[in-house]
Each structure stands twice: as structure tokens, then as C-alpha cells.
N, C-alpha and C. Protein backbone atom coordinates (compact mmCIF):
# COMPACT_ATOMS: atom_id res chain seq x y z
N MET A 1 -124.70 -11.54 -201.46
CA MET A 1 -124.39 -12.82 -202.03
C MET A 1 -125.67 -13.39 -202.63
N HIS A 2 -125.52 -14.00 -203.79
CA HIS A 2 -126.65 -14.61 -204.49
C HIS A 2 -126.26 -16.01 -204.96
N LEU A 3 -127.09 -16.98 -204.64
CA LEU A 3 -126.88 -18.33 -205.16
C LEU A 3 -127.67 -18.44 -206.45
N THR A 4 -126.98 -18.78 -207.51
CA THR A 4 -127.62 -18.76 -208.83
C THR A 4 -127.90 -20.14 -209.41
N GLY A 5 -127.28 -21.17 -208.88
CA GLY A 5 -127.34 -22.47 -209.52
C GLY A 5 -126.17 -22.59 -210.48
N PRO A 6 -125.97 -23.78 -211.05
CA PRO A 6 -124.78 -23.99 -211.89
C PRO A 6 -124.83 -23.25 -213.21
N TRP A 7 -123.66 -22.85 -213.65
CA TRP A 7 -123.48 -22.27 -214.99
C TRP A 7 -122.80 -23.37 -215.80
N ARG A 8 -123.40 -23.79 -216.84
CA ARG A 8 -122.81 -24.87 -217.62
C ARG A 8 -123.08 -24.68 -219.10
N THR A 9 -122.25 -25.33 -219.88
CA THR A 9 -122.45 -25.31 -221.32
C THR A 9 -123.47 -26.39 -221.68
N ARG A 10 -124.04 -26.29 -222.82
CA ARG A 10 -125.05 -27.26 -223.26
C ARG A 10 -124.43 -28.49 -223.90
N GLN A 11 -123.25 -28.36 -224.50
CA GLN A 11 -122.61 -29.47 -225.19
C GLN A 11 -121.60 -30.14 -224.27
N PRO A 12 -121.72 -31.46 -224.06
CA PRO A 12 -120.72 -32.15 -223.22
C PRO A 12 -119.37 -32.18 -223.93
N GLY A 13 -118.32 -32.30 -223.14
CA GLY A 13 -116.98 -32.40 -223.69
C GLY A 13 -116.82 -33.68 -224.49
N SER A 14 -115.73 -33.76 -225.20
CA SER A 14 -115.48 -34.96 -226.00
C SER A 14 -114.45 -35.84 -225.29
N VAL A 15 -114.44 -37.10 -225.68
CA VAL A 15 -113.48 -38.05 -225.11
C VAL A 15 -112.78 -38.77 -226.26
N PRO A 16 -111.56 -39.24 -226.03
CA PRO A 16 -110.86 -40.00 -227.06
C PRO A 16 -111.61 -41.29 -227.40
N ASN A 17 -111.38 -41.82 -228.58
CA ASN A 17 -112.04 -43.05 -229.01
C ASN A 17 -111.83 -44.20 -228.03
N GLU A 18 -110.63 -44.28 -227.49
CA GLU A 18 -110.31 -45.34 -226.53
C GLU A 18 -111.27 -45.29 -225.33
N VAL A 19 -111.56 -44.09 -224.84
CA VAL A 19 -112.48 -43.93 -223.71
C VAL A 19 -113.90 -44.24 -224.16
N SER A 20 -114.31 -43.75 -225.32
CA SER A 20 -115.65 -44.05 -225.84
C SER A 20 -115.87 -45.54 -225.98
N ASP A 21 -114.88 -46.25 -226.50
CA ASP A 21 -114.99 -47.70 -226.68
C ASP A 21 -115.11 -48.39 -225.32
N PHE A 22 -114.34 -47.93 -224.33
CA PHE A 22 -114.41 -48.53 -223.00
C PHE A 22 -115.79 -48.31 -222.38
N ILE A 23 -116.30 -47.10 -222.48
CA ILE A 23 -117.62 -46.78 -221.93
C ILE A 23 -118.69 -47.63 -222.60
N ALA A 24 -118.57 -47.83 -223.90
CA ALA A 24 -119.56 -48.62 -224.64
C ALA A 24 -119.61 -50.06 -224.15
N GLY A 25 -118.56 -50.52 -223.49
CA GLY A 25 -118.53 -51.89 -222.95
C GLY A 25 -119.43 -52.08 -221.75
N GLY A 26 -120.05 -51.00 -221.23
CA GLY A 26 -120.99 -51.09 -220.11
C GLY A 26 -120.34 -51.07 -218.74
N ASN A 27 -121.16 -51.10 -217.73
CA ASN A 27 -120.85 -51.22 -216.30
C ASN A 27 -119.42 -50.84 -215.91
N PHE A 28 -119.20 -49.56 -215.64
CA PHE A 28 -117.88 -49.11 -215.18
C PHE A 28 -118.03 -48.11 -214.05
N VAL A 29 -116.97 -48.01 -213.27
CA VAL A 29 -116.87 -47.03 -212.19
C VAL A 29 -115.74 -46.09 -212.56
N TYR A 30 -115.98 -44.79 -212.47
CA TYR A 30 -114.95 -43.78 -212.69
C TYR A 30 -114.19 -43.57 -211.38
N ALA A 31 -112.88 -43.43 -211.48
CA ALA A 31 -112.06 -43.09 -210.31
C ALA A 31 -111.03 -42.04 -210.71
N GLY A 32 -110.99 -40.96 -209.97
CA GLY A 32 -110.01 -39.91 -210.22
C GLY A 32 -109.94 -38.97 -209.04
N PHE A 33 -108.73 -38.53 -208.70
CA PHE A 33 -108.53 -37.65 -207.56
C PHE A 33 -107.96 -36.30 -207.96
N GLY A 34 -108.11 -35.93 -209.23
CA GLY A 34 -107.70 -34.61 -209.68
C GLY A 34 -106.26 -34.29 -209.35
N SER A 35 -106.06 -33.20 -208.63
CA SER A 35 -104.71 -32.75 -208.30
C SER A 35 -104.23 -33.23 -206.93
N MET A 36 -104.97 -34.13 -206.31
CA MET A 36 -104.59 -34.62 -204.98
C MET A 36 -103.48 -35.65 -205.11
N VAL A 37 -102.31 -35.35 -204.56
CA VAL A 37 -101.15 -36.22 -204.71
C VAL A 37 -100.56 -36.70 -203.39
N ALA A 38 -101.21 -36.47 -202.29
CA ALA A 38 -100.68 -36.89 -200.99
C ALA A 38 -100.62 -38.41 -200.92
N GLY A 39 -99.61 -38.91 -200.22
CA GLY A 39 -99.50 -40.35 -200.01
C GLY A 39 -98.91 -41.07 -201.20
N ASP A 40 -99.14 -42.38 -201.25
CA ASP A 40 -98.57 -43.26 -202.26
C ASP A 40 -99.59 -43.52 -203.37
N PRO A 41 -99.41 -42.92 -204.56
CA PRO A 41 -100.40 -43.07 -205.63
C PRO A 41 -100.51 -44.48 -206.18
N VAL A 42 -99.46 -45.29 -206.07
CA VAL A 42 -99.52 -46.67 -206.55
C VAL A 42 -100.34 -47.51 -205.56
N ALA A 43 -100.05 -47.37 -204.28
CA ALA A 43 -100.81 -48.11 -203.26
C ALA A 43 -102.29 -47.73 -203.33
N ARG A 44 -102.57 -46.44 -203.51
CA ARG A 44 -103.96 -45.98 -203.61
C ARG A 44 -104.62 -46.59 -204.84
N ALA A 45 -103.92 -46.62 -205.96
CA ALA A 45 -104.48 -47.21 -207.19
C ALA A 45 -104.77 -48.69 -206.99
N ARG A 46 -103.89 -49.38 -206.28
CA ARG A 46 -104.13 -50.82 -206.01
C ARG A 46 -105.44 -51.01 -205.25
N GLU A 47 -105.66 -50.21 -204.23
CA GLU A 47 -106.89 -50.34 -203.43
C GLU A 47 -108.12 -49.98 -204.27
N VAL A 48 -108.01 -48.92 -205.06
CA VAL A 48 -109.15 -48.48 -205.88
C VAL A 48 -109.50 -49.54 -206.92
N VAL A 49 -108.51 -50.01 -207.66
CA VAL A 49 -108.79 -51.00 -208.71
C VAL A 49 -109.32 -52.29 -208.10
N ARG A 50 -108.72 -52.74 -207.02
CA ARG A 50 -109.19 -53.97 -206.37
C ARG A 50 -110.62 -53.80 -205.86
N GLY A 51 -110.90 -52.66 -205.26
CA GLY A 51 -112.26 -52.41 -204.76
C GLY A 51 -113.29 -52.41 -205.86
N ILE A 52 -112.96 -51.81 -206.99
CA ILE A 52 -113.89 -51.78 -208.12
C ILE A 52 -114.04 -53.18 -208.71
N ARG A 53 -112.94 -53.90 -208.86
CA ARG A 53 -113.02 -55.28 -209.36
C ARG A 53 -113.84 -56.16 -208.42
N ASP A 54 -113.64 -56.01 -207.12
CA ASP A 54 -114.40 -56.82 -206.16
C ASP A 54 -115.89 -56.50 -206.21
N HIS A 55 -116.21 -55.34 -206.72
CA HIS A 55 -117.62 -54.94 -206.92
C HIS A 55 -118.14 -55.46 -208.27
N ASP A 56 -117.29 -56.16 -208.99
CA ASP A 56 -117.62 -56.73 -210.29
C ASP A 56 -117.91 -55.66 -211.33
N ALA A 57 -117.09 -54.63 -211.32
CA ALA A 57 -117.22 -53.56 -212.30
C ALA A 57 -115.86 -53.32 -212.95
N ARG A 58 -115.89 -52.62 -214.05
CA ARG A 58 -114.66 -52.19 -214.72
C ARG A 58 -114.29 -50.81 -214.21
N ALA A 59 -113.02 -50.44 -214.33
CA ALA A 59 -112.53 -49.17 -213.78
C ALA A 59 -112.00 -48.26 -214.88
N LEU A 60 -112.54 -47.05 -214.94
CA LEU A 60 -112.00 -45.98 -215.77
C LEU A 60 -111.24 -45.07 -214.81
N VAL A 61 -109.92 -45.12 -214.87
CA VAL A 61 -109.07 -44.42 -213.91
C VAL A 61 -108.43 -43.20 -214.57
N ALA A 62 -108.68 -42.03 -214.00
CA ALA A 62 -108.05 -40.79 -214.45
C ALA A 62 -106.92 -40.47 -213.47
N THR A 63 -105.70 -40.46 -213.97
CA THR A 63 -104.54 -40.26 -213.10
C THR A 63 -104.39 -38.82 -212.64
N GLY A 64 -104.98 -37.88 -213.36
CA GLY A 64 -104.88 -36.48 -212.97
C GLY A 64 -103.43 -36.04 -212.87
N LEU A 65 -103.13 -35.30 -211.81
CA LEU A 65 -101.76 -34.82 -211.61
C LEU A 65 -100.93 -35.80 -210.79
N GLY A 66 -101.43 -37.01 -210.59
CA GLY A 66 -100.63 -38.02 -209.91
C GLY A 66 -101.26 -38.65 -208.70
N GLY A 67 -102.53 -38.41 -208.44
CA GLY A 67 -103.20 -39.00 -207.28
C GLY A 67 -103.37 -40.50 -207.39
N LEU A 68 -103.37 -41.01 -208.62
CA LEU A 68 -103.44 -42.45 -208.88
C LEU A 68 -102.39 -42.81 -209.92
N ARG A 69 -101.66 -43.85 -209.65
CA ARG A 69 -100.70 -44.36 -210.64
C ARG A 69 -100.89 -45.87 -210.70
N VAL A 70 -101.45 -46.35 -211.80
CA VAL A 70 -101.80 -47.76 -211.95
C VAL A 70 -100.61 -48.52 -212.53
N PRO A 71 -100.04 -49.44 -211.74
CA PRO A 71 -98.89 -50.21 -212.24
C PRO A 71 -99.33 -51.24 -213.28
N PRO A 72 -98.40 -51.70 -214.10
CA PRO A 72 -98.74 -52.64 -215.16
C PRO A 72 -99.45 -53.91 -214.69
N ASP A 73 -99.10 -54.42 -213.51
CA ASP A 73 -99.72 -55.67 -213.05
C ASP A 73 -101.20 -55.52 -212.71
N LEU A 74 -101.70 -54.28 -212.59
CA LEU A 74 -103.13 -54.05 -212.32
C LEU A 74 -103.94 -53.82 -213.58
N ARG A 75 -103.26 -53.59 -214.67
CA ARG A 75 -103.96 -53.26 -215.91
C ARG A 75 -104.54 -54.51 -216.54
N GLY A 76 -105.57 -54.30 -217.33
CA GLY A 76 -106.21 -55.40 -218.04
C GLY A 76 -107.37 -54.86 -218.84
N ASP A 77 -108.13 -55.74 -219.45
CA ASP A 77 -109.28 -55.32 -220.25
C ASP A 77 -110.33 -54.59 -219.43
N ASP A 78 -110.33 -54.82 -218.12
CA ASP A 78 -111.33 -54.20 -217.25
C ASP A 78 -110.86 -52.89 -216.61
N VAL A 79 -109.67 -52.42 -216.99
CA VAL A 79 -109.13 -51.18 -216.43
C VAL A 79 -108.60 -50.32 -217.58
N LEU A 80 -109.13 -49.13 -217.70
CA LEU A 80 -108.61 -48.16 -218.67
C LEU A 80 -108.03 -46.99 -217.89
N VAL A 81 -106.79 -46.65 -218.19
CA VAL A 81 -106.11 -45.55 -217.51
C VAL A 81 -105.95 -44.41 -218.51
N THR A 82 -106.33 -43.22 -218.07
CA THR A 82 -106.20 -42.02 -218.90
C THR A 82 -105.73 -40.88 -218.01
N GLY A 83 -105.21 -39.82 -218.61
CA GLY A 83 -104.75 -38.68 -217.83
C GLY A 83 -105.89 -37.91 -217.21
N SER A 84 -106.88 -37.58 -218.02
CA SER A 84 -108.06 -36.88 -217.54
C SER A 84 -109.19 -37.12 -218.54
N VAL A 85 -110.39 -36.82 -218.12
CA VAL A 85 -111.56 -36.99 -218.98
C VAL A 85 -112.53 -35.84 -218.73
N ALA A 86 -113.39 -35.60 -219.71
CA ALA A 86 -114.45 -34.60 -219.54
C ALA A 86 -115.55 -35.25 -218.70
N HIS A 87 -115.68 -34.79 -217.46
CA HIS A 87 -116.66 -35.38 -216.56
C HIS A 87 -118.07 -35.40 -217.13
N ASP A 88 -118.45 -34.31 -217.79
CA ASP A 88 -119.82 -34.25 -218.30
C ASP A 88 -120.07 -35.26 -219.42
N ALA A 89 -119.01 -35.76 -220.04
CA ALA A 89 -119.15 -36.74 -221.12
C ALA A 89 -119.19 -38.18 -220.60
N ILE A 90 -118.55 -38.44 -219.47
CA ILE A 90 -118.46 -39.83 -219.01
C ILE A 90 -119.30 -40.14 -217.77
N LEU A 91 -119.48 -39.19 -216.88
CA LEU A 91 -120.16 -39.49 -215.62
C LEU A 91 -121.63 -39.91 -215.78
N PRO A 92 -122.38 -39.38 -216.74
CA PRO A 92 -123.76 -39.85 -216.87
C PRO A 92 -123.87 -41.35 -217.14
N GLN A 93 -122.80 -41.96 -217.63
CA GLN A 93 -122.82 -43.38 -217.95
C GLN A 93 -122.14 -44.24 -216.90
N ALA A 94 -121.51 -43.61 -215.90
CA ALA A 94 -120.78 -44.35 -214.86
C ALA A 94 -121.74 -44.89 -213.81
N GLN A 95 -121.41 -46.06 -213.30
CA GLN A 95 -122.18 -46.65 -212.21
C GLN A 95 -121.99 -45.83 -210.94
N ALA A 96 -120.79 -45.31 -210.73
CA ALA A 96 -120.46 -44.48 -209.58
C ALA A 96 -119.18 -43.72 -209.92
N ALA A 97 -118.88 -42.69 -209.12
CA ALA A 97 -117.67 -41.90 -209.30
C ALA A 97 -116.92 -41.85 -207.98
N VAL A 98 -115.72 -42.40 -207.97
CA VAL A 98 -114.85 -42.37 -206.79
C VAL A 98 -113.93 -41.18 -206.97
N HIS A 99 -114.04 -40.21 -206.07
CA HIS A 99 -113.24 -38.98 -206.24
C HIS A 99 -112.98 -38.30 -204.91
N HIS A 100 -112.20 -37.22 -204.97
CA HIS A 100 -111.72 -36.52 -203.78
C HIS A 100 -112.76 -35.61 -203.11
N GLY A 101 -113.82 -35.28 -203.81
CA GLY A 101 -114.85 -34.45 -203.21
C GLY A 101 -114.65 -32.97 -203.40
N GLY A 102 -113.86 -32.57 -204.38
CA GLY A 102 -113.78 -31.15 -204.73
C GLY A 102 -115.12 -30.71 -205.30
N ILE A 103 -115.49 -29.48 -205.10
CA ILE A 103 -116.82 -29.02 -205.48
C ILE A 103 -117.09 -29.18 -206.98
N GLY A 104 -116.09 -29.03 -207.83
CA GLY A 104 -116.31 -29.20 -209.26
C GLY A 104 -116.72 -30.62 -209.61
N THR A 105 -116.05 -31.60 -209.01
CA THR A 105 -116.38 -33.00 -209.28
C THR A 105 -117.69 -33.38 -208.60
N VAL A 106 -117.93 -32.86 -207.40
CA VAL A 106 -119.21 -33.10 -206.72
C VAL A 106 -120.36 -32.61 -207.59
N GLN A 107 -120.22 -31.39 -208.12
CA GLN A 107 -121.27 -30.82 -208.96
C GLN A 107 -121.44 -31.64 -210.23
N ALA A 108 -120.35 -32.02 -210.87
CA ALA A 108 -120.42 -32.77 -212.13
C ALA A 108 -121.07 -34.13 -211.93
N ALA A 109 -120.69 -34.84 -210.88
CA ALA A 109 -121.27 -36.16 -210.63
C ALA A 109 -122.75 -36.05 -210.27
N THR A 110 -123.10 -35.11 -209.41
CA THR A 110 -124.49 -34.96 -209.02
C THR A 110 -125.35 -34.53 -210.20
N ALA A 111 -124.86 -33.60 -211.00
CA ALA A 111 -125.61 -33.17 -212.18
C ALA A 111 -125.79 -34.32 -213.16
N ALA A 112 -124.85 -35.26 -213.18
CA ALA A 112 -124.94 -36.42 -214.06
C ALA A 112 -125.86 -37.50 -213.51
N GLY A 113 -126.30 -37.35 -212.26
CA GLY A 113 -127.12 -38.39 -211.64
C GLY A 113 -126.31 -39.59 -211.23
N THR A 114 -125.02 -39.37 -210.98
CA THR A 114 -124.09 -40.45 -210.63
C THR A 114 -123.72 -40.35 -209.15
N VAL A 115 -123.80 -41.46 -208.46
CA VAL A 115 -123.47 -41.48 -207.03
C VAL A 115 -121.97 -41.27 -206.85
N SER A 116 -121.61 -40.40 -205.94
CA SER A 116 -120.21 -40.15 -205.60
C SER A 116 -119.79 -41.01 -204.42
N ILE A 117 -118.59 -41.57 -204.52
CA ILE A 117 -117.91 -42.19 -203.39
C ILE A 117 -116.76 -41.24 -203.10
N ILE A 118 -116.90 -40.47 -202.04
CA ILE A 118 -115.93 -39.41 -201.78
C ILE A 118 -114.82 -39.90 -200.86
N VAL A 119 -113.60 -39.62 -201.30
CA VAL A 119 -112.38 -39.94 -200.55
C VAL A 119 -111.68 -38.60 -200.33
N PRO A 120 -112.08 -37.87 -199.27
CA PRO A 120 -111.53 -36.52 -199.08
C PRO A 120 -110.07 -36.53 -198.64
N PHE A 121 -109.35 -35.52 -199.12
CA PHE A 121 -107.95 -35.33 -198.77
C PHE A 121 -107.79 -34.11 -197.86
N ILE A 122 -108.29 -32.92 -198.32
CA ILE A 122 -107.99 -31.66 -197.63
C ILE A 122 -109.16 -30.69 -197.74
N ALA A 123 -108.99 -29.57 -197.07
CA ALA A 123 -109.81 -28.36 -197.21
C ALA A 123 -111.31 -28.63 -197.12
N ASP A 124 -112.05 -28.26 -198.17
CA ASP A 124 -113.51 -28.37 -198.14
C ASP A 124 -114.03 -29.75 -198.50
N GLN A 125 -113.15 -30.67 -198.88
CA GLN A 125 -113.58 -31.98 -199.34
C GLN A 125 -114.34 -32.79 -198.28
N PRO A 126 -113.90 -32.82 -197.01
CA PRO A 126 -114.71 -33.51 -196.00
C PRO A 126 -116.10 -32.87 -195.84
N PHE A 127 -116.16 -31.55 -195.96
CA PHE A 127 -117.44 -30.85 -195.88
C PHE A 127 -118.39 -31.33 -196.96
N TRP A 128 -117.92 -31.38 -198.21
CA TRP A 128 -118.79 -31.80 -199.31
C TRP A 128 -119.16 -33.28 -199.17
N GLY A 129 -118.25 -34.09 -198.66
CA GLY A 129 -118.59 -35.49 -198.41
C GLY A 129 -119.74 -35.62 -197.43
N ALA A 130 -119.68 -34.84 -196.36
CA ALA A 130 -120.75 -34.86 -195.36
C ALA A 130 -122.05 -34.31 -195.93
N ARG A 131 -121.95 -33.24 -196.75
CA ARG A 131 -123.16 -32.66 -197.36
C ARG A 131 -123.87 -33.65 -198.27
N LEU A 132 -123.12 -34.47 -198.98
CA LEU A 132 -123.75 -35.46 -199.85
C LEU A 132 -124.31 -36.63 -199.06
N GLN A 133 -123.60 -37.05 -198.03
CA GLN A 133 -124.06 -38.20 -197.24
C GLN A 133 -125.34 -37.88 -196.47
N GLU A 134 -125.40 -36.70 -195.90
CA GLU A 134 -126.53 -36.33 -195.03
C GLU A 134 -127.91 -36.56 -195.66
N PRO A 135 -128.16 -36.11 -196.90
CA PRO A 135 -129.48 -36.35 -197.50
C PRO A 135 -129.57 -37.66 -198.30
N GLY A 136 -128.55 -38.51 -198.18
CA GLY A 136 -128.58 -39.79 -198.87
C GLY A 136 -128.14 -39.74 -200.32
N LEU A 137 -127.34 -38.73 -200.69
CA LEU A 137 -126.84 -38.64 -202.06
C LEU A 137 -125.56 -39.44 -202.27
N SER A 138 -124.94 -39.89 -201.18
CA SER A 138 -123.74 -40.72 -201.30
C SER A 138 -123.56 -41.52 -200.01
N PRO A 139 -122.80 -42.62 -200.11
CA PRO A 139 -122.44 -43.35 -198.90
C PRO A 139 -121.49 -42.51 -198.05
N ARG A 140 -121.20 -43.00 -196.87
CA ARG A 140 -120.26 -42.32 -195.97
C ARG A 140 -118.90 -42.14 -196.66
N PRO A 141 -118.30 -40.94 -196.57
CA PRO A 141 -116.97 -40.74 -197.16
C PRO A 141 -115.93 -41.67 -196.55
N ILE A 142 -114.91 -41.97 -197.33
CA ILE A 142 -113.78 -42.79 -196.86
C ILE A 142 -112.55 -41.88 -196.84
N ARG A 143 -112.02 -41.60 -195.67
CA ARG A 143 -110.83 -40.75 -195.60
C ARG A 143 -109.70 -41.38 -196.41
N GLN A 144 -108.94 -40.56 -197.12
CA GLN A 144 -107.92 -41.11 -198.01
C GLN A 144 -106.89 -41.96 -197.27
N ARG A 145 -106.63 -41.66 -196.03
CA ARG A 145 -105.64 -42.45 -195.27
C ARG A 145 -106.19 -43.81 -194.85
N THR A 146 -107.51 -43.96 -194.91
CA THR A 146 -108.11 -45.24 -194.51
C THR A 146 -108.74 -45.98 -195.69
N LEU A 147 -108.44 -45.53 -196.90
CA LEU A 147 -108.99 -46.16 -198.09
C LEU A 147 -108.43 -47.57 -198.27
N THR A 148 -109.33 -48.54 -198.32
CA THR A 148 -108.96 -49.92 -198.62
C THR A 148 -109.93 -50.44 -199.67
N SER A 149 -109.53 -51.51 -200.33
CA SER A 149 -110.43 -52.10 -201.33
C SER A 149 -111.71 -52.59 -200.67
N THR A 150 -111.62 -53.11 -199.46
CA THR A 150 -112.80 -53.60 -198.75
C THR A 150 -113.78 -52.46 -198.46
N ARG A 151 -113.26 -51.33 -197.98
CA ARG A 151 -114.13 -50.18 -197.70
C ARG A 151 -114.75 -49.64 -198.99
N LEU A 152 -113.95 -49.61 -200.06
CA LEU A 152 -114.47 -49.10 -201.33
C LEU A 152 -115.54 -50.03 -201.89
N THR A 153 -115.32 -51.33 -201.83
CA THR A 153 -116.33 -52.27 -202.31
C THR A 153 -117.63 -52.12 -201.53
N ALA A 154 -117.53 -51.95 -200.22
CA ALA A 154 -118.72 -51.76 -199.39
C ALA A 154 -119.44 -50.47 -199.77
N ALA A 155 -118.69 -49.39 -200.00
CA ALA A 155 -119.31 -48.12 -200.39
C ALA A 155 -119.98 -48.24 -201.75
N LEU A 156 -119.34 -48.94 -202.68
CA LEU A 156 -119.95 -49.14 -203.99
C LEU A 156 -121.25 -49.94 -203.88
N SER A 157 -121.28 -50.91 -202.98
CA SER A 157 -122.51 -51.67 -202.75
C SER A 157 -123.59 -50.78 -202.14
N ASP A 158 -123.20 -49.89 -201.22
CA ASP A 158 -124.15 -48.96 -200.60
C ASP A 158 -124.66 -47.91 -201.59
N ALA A 159 -123.91 -47.66 -202.64
CA ALA A 159 -124.27 -46.61 -203.60
C ALA A 159 -125.62 -46.86 -204.24
N VAL A 160 -126.00 -48.11 -204.38
CA VAL A 160 -127.30 -48.41 -205.00
C VAL A 160 -128.45 -47.77 -204.21
N ASN A 161 -128.29 -47.63 -202.91
CA ASN A 161 -129.32 -47.01 -202.08
C ASN A 161 -129.42 -45.51 -202.26
N CYS A 162 -128.45 -44.92 -202.95
CA CYS A 162 -128.41 -43.47 -203.15
C CYS A 162 -128.86 -43.04 -204.53
N ARG A 163 -129.04 -43.98 -205.42
CA ARG A 163 -129.31 -43.62 -206.83
C ARG A 163 -130.58 -42.81 -207.02
N THR A 164 -131.66 -43.16 -206.36
CA THR A 164 -132.91 -42.42 -206.54
C THR A 164 -132.74 -40.97 -206.11
N ALA A 165 -132.11 -40.74 -204.97
CA ALA A 165 -131.92 -39.37 -204.47
C ALA A 165 -131.00 -38.57 -205.39
N VAL A 166 -129.94 -39.20 -205.91
CA VAL A 166 -129.02 -38.49 -206.80
C VAL A 166 -129.71 -38.14 -208.11
N ARG A 167 -130.50 -39.05 -208.63
CA ARG A 167 -131.21 -38.76 -209.88
C ARG A 167 -132.22 -37.63 -209.69
N ALA A 168 -132.86 -37.58 -208.53
CA ALA A 168 -133.79 -36.48 -208.25
C ALA A 168 -133.03 -35.15 -208.16
N ALA A 169 -131.86 -35.17 -207.52
CA ALA A 169 -131.04 -33.96 -207.43
C ALA A 169 -130.58 -33.52 -208.82
N ALA A 170 -130.22 -34.48 -209.66
CA ALA A 170 -129.79 -34.15 -211.03
C ALA A 170 -130.93 -33.50 -211.80
N HIS A 171 -132.13 -34.00 -211.61
CA HIS A 171 -133.30 -33.41 -212.29
C HIS A 171 -133.50 -31.96 -211.83
N THR A 172 -133.39 -31.73 -210.54
CA THR A 172 -133.53 -30.37 -210.01
C THR A 172 -132.44 -29.47 -210.58
N MET A 173 -131.21 -29.96 -210.61
CA MET A 173 -130.11 -29.15 -211.13
C MET A 173 -130.31 -28.83 -212.61
N ALA A 174 -130.88 -29.77 -213.37
CA ALA A 174 -131.09 -29.55 -214.80
C ALA A 174 -132.10 -28.45 -215.07
N THR A 175 -132.98 -28.20 -214.11
CA THR A 175 -133.99 -27.16 -214.30
C THR A 175 -133.53 -25.79 -213.82
N GLU A 176 -132.37 -25.74 -213.15
CA GLU A 176 -131.84 -24.46 -212.68
C GLU A 176 -131.16 -23.73 -213.82
N GLY A 177 -131.48 -22.47 -213.97
CA GLY A 177 -130.84 -21.65 -214.99
C GLY A 177 -129.86 -20.70 -214.35
N GLY A 178 -128.72 -21.22 -213.91
CA GLY A 178 -127.74 -20.42 -213.17
C GLY A 178 -127.28 -19.18 -213.90
N ALA A 179 -126.95 -19.32 -215.17
CA ALA A 179 -126.46 -18.15 -215.92
C ALA A 179 -127.55 -17.10 -216.07
N GLY A 180 -128.78 -17.52 -216.33
CA GLY A 180 -129.90 -16.58 -216.44
C GLY A 180 -130.18 -15.88 -215.13
N THR A 181 -130.10 -16.64 -214.04
CA THR A 181 -130.31 -16.05 -212.71
C THR A 181 -129.23 -15.02 -212.41
N ALA A 182 -127.98 -15.35 -212.75
CA ALA A 182 -126.87 -14.41 -212.52
C ALA A 182 -127.08 -13.14 -213.34
N LEU A 183 -127.53 -13.28 -214.58
CA LEU A 183 -127.78 -12.11 -215.43
C LEU A 183 -128.87 -11.24 -214.81
N ALA A 184 -129.93 -11.87 -214.31
CA ALA A 184 -131.01 -11.11 -213.68
C ALA A 184 -130.51 -10.33 -212.47
N VAL A 185 -129.63 -10.96 -211.68
CA VAL A 185 -129.05 -10.28 -210.51
C VAL A 185 -128.22 -9.08 -210.97
N LEU A 186 -127.39 -9.28 -211.98
CA LEU A 186 -126.55 -8.19 -212.50
C LEU A 186 -127.40 -7.03 -213.02
N GLU A 187 -128.49 -7.34 -213.68
CA GLU A 187 -129.36 -6.29 -214.21
C GLU A 187 -130.00 -5.46 -213.11
N THR A 188 -130.19 -6.05 -211.93
CA THR A 188 -130.76 -5.27 -210.82
C THR A 188 -129.73 -4.33 -210.20
N LEU A 189 -128.44 -4.63 -210.40
CA LEU A 189 -127.40 -3.81 -209.82
C LEU A 189 -127.19 -2.50 -210.59
N HIS A 190 -127.43 -2.52 -211.89
CA HIS A 190 -127.26 -1.33 -212.73
C HIS A 190 -128.46 -1.15 -213.62
N PRO A 191 -129.53 -0.57 -213.05
CA PRO A 191 -130.74 -0.41 -213.86
C PRO A 191 -130.60 0.58 -215.00
């Protein structure tokens, strides 16, 4: 087994104009749970949007496959709802990223220098939440069954204490040449 570092493209993904315009408005928190659909997605969206609003930020909500469903009464100029977004295009500008803690999103947020607020659902997600919290890269994870707006607002407030560590990790990740390292490993296997 060889750890190579991340393999990534050099060009960030694109986003629709509506998302670009929202991002240009400043100070926002990204929230998305990918394919995690356990529980009540409307109740979860209420807690997430309220928590972000109570933190005095705007919310960019990615509904994914149904983990969040934002009802009309929660929508407004401070909430943009979209199906999905290119993480590499939006996370570098986000104040924080509220997500399930899947390794892809963990890697994308950390590489962007954005603090993760992890709300684990299943499998390896609690593990990644603990791995980020331990060195101070994120606040304590909030289990999805105990997610409340109050807990989320507190975690968003704690996120400021993690920014320096996350930015340092992002710098380290930016210097890793994962694809080149993998190629070097492959070349040693078949001289």
C-alpha cells in the first residue's frame, strides 16, 4: 500500500450564474449531505438554515439526493438552494462547510482551507469527523440525530478557532503531487 496524496485536476469546476452571484454577495456557509437521506430532510433543513442564520451568515444549500429539502417558508435572499455544486469552485470562498463527513467532501473542504462542520450519518463518517477534530481542523462533530440549530450555531462559532490549522493543512495538501507520486510507484513495479 502506498499513500500518494490527492489526485486532482488543476481547473476548478464551474457553477451556474445563480450560484456565482450568490457567492459574490460574500459571507456564506455551504451545507450539503450528498447522498445521505436518513431521517426527515425538511426538519434537518430547518435546523441547518436556522443555525446558519443565527450565525449571521447566508446559506448555500445543496440538496444532493435528498438529505436536505428546504421548504418555501425558509427561503429568502439569504438562502440559495441548488441540487449540487462543484466543491472545488465554491468551498474556497465559504466561511465553513456543513456536511456528512464523507472522505470526498472532507478532502475538498480541507484542500480549500475551509473549516468542516461534520454531521456524520454512517460508516466512515464518524471516523473522519474525529480525525479532523483531533488536530483542531474542525469543531466536534454533531451526530445527525442530534443536529439542532443551536448546536450548529455553536459549532460555526467554534470554527473560527480552526481556521489557521485548516489553512496550514490546505497549504500542505497543495504541495503534494499525488498523481506524480502514484506514477513513480507504478514505475517501480515494472522497471
